[in-house]
């Protein structure tokens, strides 16, 4: 009977760990994806304004060709754009 109780406890622990990963995993993946997308948008940026507090506002074109604004750090964009 002791072995059955130990197996049940281990199963419960594994189920809890999987549930935690199922909740946290998508949040981490979404955050990384958004960070990568912001970096790509800043690399494609043009018509950047001056650097204020190490940030600048630039324009970029999205996948549909619409012009949108993005805030980039000053070191992500060239100063002469």
PDB file of N, CA and C in Angstrom:
ATOM      1  N   UNK A   1       0.817  -1.186   0.000  1.00  0.00           N
ATOM      2  CA  UNK A   1       0.000   0.000   0.000  1.00  0.00           C
ATOM      3  C   UNK A   1       0.865   1.257   0.000  1.00  0.00           C
ATOM      4  N   UNK A   2       2.027   1.192   0.682  1.00  0.00           N
ATOM      5  CA  UNK A   2       2.910   2.348   0.703  1.00  0.00           C
ATOM      6  C   UNK A   2       3.374   2.711  -0.708  1.00  0.00           C
ATOM      7  N   UNK A   3       3.667   1.703  -1.499  1.00  0.00           N
ATOM      8  CA  UNK A   3       4.139   1.961  -2.862  1.00  0.00           C
ATOM      9  C   UNK A   3       3.067   2.628  -3.699  1.00  0.00           C
ATOM     10  N   UNK A   4       1.829   2.221  -3.524  1.00  0.00           N
ATOM     11  CA  UNK A   4       0.720   2.826  -4.282  1.00  0.00           C
ATOM     12  C   UNK A   4       0.548   4.290  -3.897  1.00  0.00           C
ATOM     13  N   UNK A   5       0.685   4.590  -2.625  1.00  0.00           N
ATOM     14  CA  UNK A   5       0.565   5.978  -2.168  1.00  0.00           C
ATOM     15  C   UNK A   5       1.698   6.824  -2.734  1.00  0.00           C
ATOM     16  N   UNK A   6       2.901   6.276  -2.752  1.00  0.00           N
ATOM     17  CA  UNK A   6       4.047   6.993  -3.314  1.00  0.00           C
ATOM     18  C   UNK A   6       3.872   7.255  -4.799  1.00  0.00           C
ATOM     19  N   UNK A   7       3.358   6.275  -5.516  1.00  0.00           N
ATOM     20  CA  UNK A   7       3.103   6.448  -6.949  1.00  0.00           C
ATOM     21  C   UNK A   7       2.057   7.526  -7.182  1.00  0.00           C
ATOM     22  N   UNK A   8       1.017   7.537  -6.382  1.00  0.00           N
ATOM     23  CA  UNK A   8      -0.038   8.538  -6.518  1.00  0.00           C
ATOM     24  C   UNK A   8       0.500   9.937  -6.236  1.00  0.00           C
ATOM     25  N   UNK A   9       1.357  10.047  -5.218  1.00  0.00           N
ATOM     26  CA  UNK A   9       1.950  11.343  -4.894  1.00  0.00           C
ATOM     27  C   UNK A   9       2.830  11.844  -6.040  1.00  0.00           C
ATOM     28  N   UNK A  10       3.637  10.973  -6.605  1.00  0.00           N
ATOM     29  CA  UNK A  10       4.496  11.366  -7.733  1.00  0.00           C
ATOM     30  C   UNK A  10       3.660  11.762  -8.942  1.00  0.00           C
ATOM     31  N   UNK A  11       2.600  11.042  -9.193  1.00  0.00           N
ATOM     32  CA  UNK A  11       1.716  11.368 -10.310  1.00  0.00           C
ATOM     33  C   UNK A  11       1.092  12.741 -10.098  1.00  0.00           C
ATOM     34  N   UNK A  12       0.656  13.015  -8.895  1.00  0.00           N
ATOM     35  CA  UNK A  12       0.060  14.315  -8.584  1.00  0.00           C
ATOM     36  C   UNK A  12       1.078  15.436  -8.779  1.00  0.00           C
ATOM     37  N   UNK A  13       2.306  15.215  -8.351  1.00  0.00           N
ATOM     38  CA  UNK A  13       3.353  16.232  -8.513  1.00  0.00           C
ATOM     39  C   UNK A  13       3.616  16.486  -9.994  1.00  0.00           C
ATOM     40  N   UNK A  14       3.693  15.433 -10.787  1.00  0.00           N
ATOM     41  CA  UNK A  14       3.942  15.587 -12.223  1.00  0.00           C
ATOM     42  C   UNK A  14       2.791  16.332 -12.892  1.00  0.00           C
ATOM     43  N   UNK A  15       1.563  16.010 -12.518  1.00  0.00           N
ATOM     44  CA  UNK A  15       0.396  16.693 -13.094  1.00  0.00           C
ATOM     45  C   UNK A  15       0.424  18.175 -12.744  1.00  0.00           C
ATOM     46  N   UNK A  16       0.764  18.525 -11.532  1.00  0.00           N
ATOM     47  CA  UNK A  16       0.845  19.930 -11.119  1.00  0.00           C
ATOM     48  C   UNK A  16       1.942  20.651 -11.899  1.00  0.00           C
ATOM     49  N   UNK A  17       3.079  20.029 -12.068  1.00  0.00           N
ATOM     50  CA  UNK A  17       4.179  20.646 -12.815  1.00  0.00           C
ATOM     51  C   UNK A  17       3.775  20.863 -14.271  1.00  0.00           C
ATOM     52  N   UNK A  18       3.127  19.897 -14.878  1.00  0.00           N
ATOM     53  CA  UNK A  18       2.670  20.046 -16.266  1.00  0.00           C
ATOM     54  C   UNK A  18       1.646  21.169 -16.371  1.00  0.00           C
ATOM     55  N   UNK A  19       0.746  21.277 -15.401  1.00  0.00           N
ATOM     56  CA  UNK A  19      -0.252  22.348 -15.411  1.00  0.00           C
ATOM     57  C   UNK A  19       0.412  23.720 -15.302  1.00  0.00           C
ATOM     58  N   UNK A  20       1.405  23.833 -14.454  1.00  0.00           N
ATOM     59  CA  UNK A  20       2.124  25.110 -14.310  1.00  0.00           C
ATOM     60  C   UNK A  20       2.826  25.471 -15.611  1.00  0.00           C
ATOM     61  N   UNK A  21       3.478  24.508 -16.234  1.00  0.00           N
ATOM     62  CA  UNK A  21       4.151  24.762 -17.507  1.00  0.00           C
ATOM     63  C   UNK A  21       3.158  25.124 -18.608  1.00  0.00           C
ATOM     64  N   UNK A  22       1.982  24.521 -18.577  1.00  0.00           N
ATOM     65  CA  UNK A  22       0.963  24.817 -19.578  1.00  0.00           C
ATOM     66  C   UNK A  22       0.453  26.249 -19.444  1.00  0.00           C
ATOM     67  N   UNK A  23       0.469  26.782 -18.243  1.00  0.00           N
ATOM     68  CA  UNK A  23       0.020  28.159 -18.027  1.00  0.00           C
ATOM     69  C   UNK A  23       1.145  29.150 -18.331  1.00  0.00           C
ATOM     70  N   UNK A  24       2.343  28.882 -17.869  1.00  0.00           N
ATOM     71  CA  UNK A  24       3.460  29.814 -18.007  1.00  0.00           C
ATOM     72  C   UNK A  24       4.080  29.761 -19.404  1.00  0.00           C
ATOM     73  N   UNK A  25       4.113  28.595 -20.033  1.00  0.00           N
ATOM     74  CA  UNK A  25       4.761  28.438 -21.337  1.00  0.00           C
ATOM     75  C   UNK A  25       4.274  29.405 -22.398  1.00  0.00           C
ATOM     76  N   UNK A  26       2.968  29.480 -22.654  1.00  0.00           N
ATOM     77  CA  UNK A  26       2.489  30.407 -23.685  1.00  0.00           C
ATOM     78  C   UNK A  26       2.796  31.878 -23.384  1.00  0.00           C
ATOM     79  N   UNK A  27       2.800  32.236 -22.122  1.00  0.00           N
ATOM     80  CA  UNK A  27       3.117  33.617 -21.752  1.00  0.00           C
ATOM     81  C   UNK A  27       4.557  33.938 -22.136  1.00  0.00           C
ATOM     82  N   UNK A  28       5.469  33.035 -21.848  1.00  0.00           N
ATOM     83  CA  UNK A  28       6.876  33.243 -22.187  1.00  0.00           C
ATOM     84  C   UNK A  28       7.070  33.277 -23.694  1.00  0.00           C
ATOM     85  N   UNK A  29       6.430  32.348 -24.399  1.00  0.00           N
ATOM     86  CA  UNK A  29       6.566  32.307 -25.858  1.00  0.00           C
ATOM     87  C   UNK A  29       6.020  33.577 -26.486  1.00  0.00           C
ATOM     88  N   UNK A  30       4.874  34.060 -26.026  1.00  0.00           N
ATOM     89  CA  UNK A  30       4.280  35.288 -26.555  1.00  0.00           C
ATOM     90  C   UNK A  30       5.194  36.491 -26.299  1.00  0.00           C
ATOM     91  N   UNK A  31       5.774  36.558 -25.101  1.00  0.00           N
ATOM     92  CA  UNK A  31       6.671  37.661 -24.763  1.00  0.00           C
ATOM     93  C   UNK A  31       7.902  37.674 -25.659  1.00  0.00           C
ATOM     94  N   UNK A  32       8.487  36.510 -25.872  1.00  0.00           N
ATOM     95  CA  UNK A  32       9.665  36.414 -26.743  1.00  0.00           C
ATOM     96  C   UNK A  32       9.288  36.785 -28.178  1.00  0.00           C
ATOM     97  N   UNK A  33       8.145  36.311 -28.639  1.00  0.00           N
ATOM     98  CA  UNK A  33       7.682  36.642 -29.989  1.00  0.00           C
ATOM     99  C   UNK A  33       7.468  38.135 -30.179  1.00  0.00           C
ATOM    100  N   UNK A  34       6.862  38.786 -29.196  1.00  0.00           N
ATOM    101  CA  UNK A  34       6.645  40.233 -29.281  1.00  0.00           C
ATOM    102  C   UNK A  34       7.967  40.989 -29.287  1.00  0.00           C
ATOM    103  N   UNK A  35       8.921  40.530 -28.498  1.00  0.00           N
ATOM    104  CA  UNK A  35      10.231  41.167 -28.452  1.00  0.00           C
ATOM    105  C   UNK A  35      10.948  41.047 -29.798  1.00  0.00           C
ATOM    106  N   UNK A  36      10.879  39.879 -30.392  1.00  0.00           N
ATOM    107  CA  UNK A  36      11.509  39.673 -31.703  1.00  0.00           C
ATOM    108  C   UNK A  36      10.830  40.538 -32.751  1.00  0.00           C
ATOM    109  N   UNK A  37       9.495  40.607 -32.732  1.00  0.00           N
ATOM    110  CA  UNK A  37       8.764  41.417 -33.709  1.00  0.00           C
ATOM    111  C   UNK A  37       9.116  42.896 -33.560  1.00  0.00           C
ATOM    112  N   UNK A  38       9.239  43.381 -32.336  1.00  0.00           N
ATOM    113  CA  UNK A  38       9.613  44.782 -32.116  1.00  0.00           C
ATOM    114  C   UNK A  38      11.018  45.054 -32.651  1.00  0.00           C
ATOM    115  N   UNK A  39      11.938  44.122 -32.453  1.00  0.00           N
ATOM    116  CA  UNK A  39      13.301  44.287 -32.951  1.00  0.00           C
ATOM    117  C   UNK A  39      13.316  44.323 -34.481  1.00  0.00           C
ATOM    118  N   UNK A  40      12.534  43.451 -35.117  1.00  0.00           N
ATOM    119  CA  UNK A  40      12.448  43.433 -36.580  1.00  0.00           C
ATOM    120  C   UNK A  40      11.857  44.743 -37.090  1.00  0.00           C
ATOM    121  N   UNK A  41      10.820  45.235 -36.431  1.00  0.00           N
ATOM    122  CA  UNK A  41      10.207  46.503 -36.839  1.00  0.00           C
ATOM    123  C   UNK A  41      11.202  47.653 -36.706  1.00  0.00           C
ATOM    124  N   UNK A  42      12.008  47.644 -35.672  1.00  0.00           N
ATOM    125  CA  UNK A  42      12.994  48.713 -35.498  1.00  0.00           C
ATOM    126  C   UNK A  42      14.095  48.629 -36.548  1.00  0.00           C
ATOM    127  N   UNK A  43      14.449  47.430 -36.966  1.00  0.00           N
ATOM    128  CA  UNK A  43      15.466  47.301 -38.007  1.00  0.00           C
ATOM    129  C   UNK A  43      14.946  47.791 -39.349  1.00  0.00           C
ATOM    130  N   UNK A  44      13.650  47.706 -39.563  1.00  0.00           N
ATOM    131  CA  UNK A  44      13.053  48.162 -40.820  1.00  0.00           C
ATOM    132  C   UNK A  44      12.544  49.598 -40.709  1.00  0.00           C
ATOM    133  N   UNK A  45      12.845  50.277 -39.628  1.00  0.00           N
ATOM    134  CA  UNK A  45      12.299  51.608 -39.369  1.00  0.00           C
ATOM    135  C   UNK A  45      12.936  52.668 -40.255  1.00  0.00           C
ATOM    136  N   UNK A  46      12.171  53.710 -40.505  1.00  0.00           N
ATOM    137  CA  UNK A  46      12.644  54.869 -41.259  1.00  0.00           C
ATOM    138  C   UNK A  46      11.963  56.115 -40.693  1.00  0.00           C
ATOM    139  N   UNK A  47      12.413  57.266 -41.131  1.00  0.00           N
ATOM    140  CA  UNK A  47      11.826  58.540 -40.710  1.00  0.00           C
ATOM    141  C   UNK A  47      11.807  58.658 -39.181  1.00  0.00           C
ATOM    142  N   UNK A  48      12.944  58.376 -38.556  1.00  0.00           N
ATOM    143  CA  UNK A  48      13.046  58.401 -37.099  1.00  0.00           C
ATOM    144  C   UNK A  48      13.190  59.813 -36.578  1.00  0.00           C
ATOM    145  N   UNK A  49      12.582  60.071 -35.444  1.00  0.00           N
ATOM    146  CA  UNK A  49      12.715  61.363 -34.776  1.00  0.00           C
ATOM    147  C   UNK A  49      13.972  61.354 -33.923  1.00  0.00           C
ATOM    148  N   UNK A  50      14.297  62.473 -33.327  1.00  0.00           N
ATOM    149  CA  UNK A  50      15.488  62.572 -32.487  1.00  0.00           C
ATOM    150  C   UNK A  50      15.402  61.689 -31.260  1.00  0.00           C
ATOM    151  N   UNK A  51      16.549  61.423 -30.694  1.00  0.00           N
ATOM    152  CA  UNK A  51      16.657  60.533 -29.543  1.00  0.00           C
ATOM    153  C   UNK A  51      16.322  61.307 -28.263  1.00  0.00           C
ATOM    154  N   UNK A  52      15.326  60.818 -27.513  1.00  0.00           N
ATOM    155  CA  UNK A  52      14.937  61.413 -26.242  1.00  0.00           C
ATOM    156  C   UNK A  52      14.860  60.287 -25.217  1.00  0.00           C
ATOM    157  N   UNK A  53      15.609  60.417 -24.130  1.00  0.00           N
ATOM    158  CA  UNK A  53      15.648  59.385 -23.086  1.00  0.00           C
ATOM    159  C   UNK A  53      15.987  58.009 -23.662  1.00  0.00           C
ATOM    160  N   UNK A  54      16.927  57.993 -24.592  1.00  0.00           N
ATOM    161  CA  UNK A  54      17.420  56.765 -25.233  1.00  0.00           C
ATOM    162  C   UNK A  54      16.336  56.043 -26.037  1.00  0.00           C
ATOM    163  N   UNK A  55      15.280  56.759 -26.421  1.00  0.00           N
ATOM    164  CA  UNK A  55      14.209  56.198 -27.246  1.00  0.00           C
ATOM    165  C   UNK A  55      13.928  57.160 -28.390  1.00  0.00           C
ATOM    166  N   UNK A  56      13.483  56.609 -29.506  1.00  0.00           N
ATOM    167  CA  UNK A  56      13.060  57.433 -30.629  1.00  0.00           C
ATOM    168  C   UNK A  56      11.864  56.777 -31.290  1.00  0.00           C
ATOM    169  N   UNK A  57      11.005  57.618 -31.864  1.00  0.00           N
ATOM    170  CA  UNK A  57       9.825  57.123 -32.568  1.00  0.00           C
ATOM    171  C   UNK A  57      10.135  57.086 -34.051  1.00  0.00           C
ATOM    172  N   UNK A  58       9.866  55.939 -34.671  1.00  0.00           N
ATOM    173  CA  UNK A  58      10.125  55.748 -36.092  1.00  0.00           C
ATOM    174  C   UNK A  58       8.868  55.209 -36.762  1.00  0.00           C
ATOM    175  N   UNK A  59       8.898  55.173 -38.072  1.00  0.00           N
ATOM    176  CA  UNK A  59       7.813  54.596 -38.849  1.00  0.00           C
ATOM    177  C   UNK A  59       8.301  53.295 -39.478  1.00  0.00           C
ATOM    178  N   UNK A  60       7.380  52.373 -39.704  1.00  0.00           N
ATOM    179  CA  UNK A  60       7.671  51.143 -40.428  1.00  0.00           C
ATOM    180  C   UNK A  60       6.403  50.720 -41.157  1.00  0.00           C
ATOM    181  N   UNK A  61       6.544  49.825 -42.113  1.00  0.00           N
ATOM    182  CA  UNK A  61       5.379  49.315 -42.831  1.00  0.00           C
ATOM    183  C   UNK A  61       5.104  47.898 -42.359  1.00  0.00           C
ATOM    184  N   UNK A  62       3.845  47.630 -42.001  1.00  0.00           N
ATOM    185  CA  UNK A  62       3.484  46.288 -41.560  1.00  0.00           C
ATOM    186  C   UNK A  62       3.301  45.361 -42.757  1.00  0.00           C
ATOM    187  N   UNK A  63       2.878  44.140 -42.502  1.00  0.00           N
ATOM    188  CA  UNK A  63       2.737  43.135 -43.561  1.00  0.00           C
ATOM    189  C   UNK A  63       1.729  43.541 -44.627  1.00  0.00           C
ATOM    190  N   UNK A  64       0.750  44.363 -44.264  1.00  0.00           N
ATOM    191  CA  UNK A  64      -0.277  44.797 -45.208  1.00  0.00           C
ATOM    192  C   UNK A  64       0.125  46.073 -45.947  1.00  0.00           C
ATOM    193  N   UNK A  65       1.283  46.626 -45.622  1.00  0.00           N
ATOM    194  CA  UNK A  65       1.765  47.837 -46.271  1.00  0.00           C
ATOM    195  C   UNK A  65       1.320  49.114 -45.585  1.00  0.00           C
ATOM    196  N   UNK A  66       0.632  48.992 -44.469  1.00  0.00           N
ATOM    197  CA  UNK A  66       0.192  50.169 -43.717  1.00  0.00           C
ATOM    198  C   UNK A  66       1.353  50.742 -42.934  1.00  0.00           C
ATOM    199  N   UNK A  67       1.422  52.053 -42.891  1.00  0.00           N
ATOM    200  CA  UNK A  67       2.492  52.723 -42.158  1.00  0.00           C
ATOM    201  C   UNK A  67       2.107  52.803 -40.685  1.00  0.00           C
ATOM    202  N   UNK A  68       2.994  52.369 -39.821  1.00  0.00           N
ATOM    203  CA  UNK A  68       2.747  52.381 -38.383  1.00  0.00           C
ATOM    204  C   UNK A  68       3.958  52.968 -37.670  1.00  0.00           C
ATOM    205  N   UNK A  69       3.746  53.407 -36.438  1.00  0.00           N
ATOM    206  CA  UNK A  69       4.862  53.937 -35.662  1.00  0.00           C
ATOM    207  C   UNK A  69       5.337  52.890 -34.665  1.00  0.00           C
ATOM    208  N   UNK A  70       6.609  52.985 -34.333  1.00  0.00           N
ATOM    209  CA  UNK A  70       7.220  52.075 -33.371  1.00  0.00           C
ATOM    210  C   UNK A  70       8.234  52.862 -32.555  1.00  0.00           C
ATOM    211  N   UNK A  71       8.340  52.535 -31.278  1.00  0.00           N
ATOM    212  CA  UNK A  71       9.329  53.178 -30.410  1.00  0.00           C
ATOM    213  C   UNK A  71      10.515  52.239 -30.296  1.00  0.00           C
ATOM    214  N   UNK A  72      11.692  52.752 -30.669  1.00  0.00           N
ATOM    215  CA  UNK A  72      12.919  51.956 -30.665  1.00  0.00           C
ATOM    216  C   UNK A  72      13.944  52.614 -29.749  1.00  0.00           C
ATOM    217  N   UNK A  73      14.877  51.825 -29.276  1.00  0.00           N
ATOM    218  CA  UNK A  73      15.986  52.419 -28.548  1.00  0.00           C
ATOM    219  C   UNK A  73      16.913  53.063 -29.571  1.00  0.00           C
ATOM    220  N   UNK A  74      17.645  54.058 -29.162  1.00  0.00           N
ATOM    221  CA  UNK A  74      18.484  54.812 -30.095  1.00  0.00           C
ATOM    222  C   UNK A  74      19.564  53.945 -30.724  1.00  0.00           C
ATOM    223  N   UNK A  75      20.037  52.915 -30.039  1.00  0.00           N
ATOM    224  CA  UNK A  75      21.075  52.072 -30.621  1.00  0.00           C
ATOM    225  C   UNK A  75      20.521  51.041 -31.589  1.00  0.00           C
ATOM    226  N   UNK A  76      19.188  50.860 -31.674  1.00  0.00           N
ATOM    227  CA  UNK A  76      18.596  49.920 -32.633  1.00  0.00           C
ATOM    228  C   UNK A  76      18.423  50.539 -34.008  1.00  0.00           C
ATOM    229  N   UNK A  77      18.478  51.850 -34.101  1.00  0.00           N
ATOM    230  CA  UNK A  77      18.297  52.527 -35.382  1.00  0.00           C
ATOM    231  C   UNK A  77      19.523  53.370 -35.679  1.00  0.00           C
ATOM    232  N   UNK A  78      19.786  53.600 -36.926  1.00  0.00           N
ATOM    233  CA  UNK A  78      20.893  54.470 -37.314  1.00  0.00           C
ATOM    234  C   UNK A  78      20.500  55.916 -37.071  1.00  0.00           C
ATOM    235  N   UNK A  79      21.452  56.728 -36.655  1.00  0.00           N
ATOM    236  CA  UNK A  79      21.158  58.124 -36.341  1.00  0.00           C
ATOM    237  C   UNK A  79      20.780  58.922 -37.590  1.00  0.00           C
ATOM    238  N   UNK A  80      21.212  58.494 -38.770  1.00  0.00           N
ATOM    239  CA  UNK A  80      20.959  59.282 -39.978  1.00  0.00           C
ATOM    240  C   UNK A  80      19.684  58.866 -40.710  1.00  0.00           C
ATOM    241  N   UNK A  81      18.876  58.008 -40.178  1.00  0.00           N
ATOM    242  CA  UNK A  81      17.636  57.621 -40.861  1.00  0.00           C
ATOM    243  C   UNK A  81      16.575  58.644 -40.656  1.00  0.00           C
TER     244      UNK A  81
END
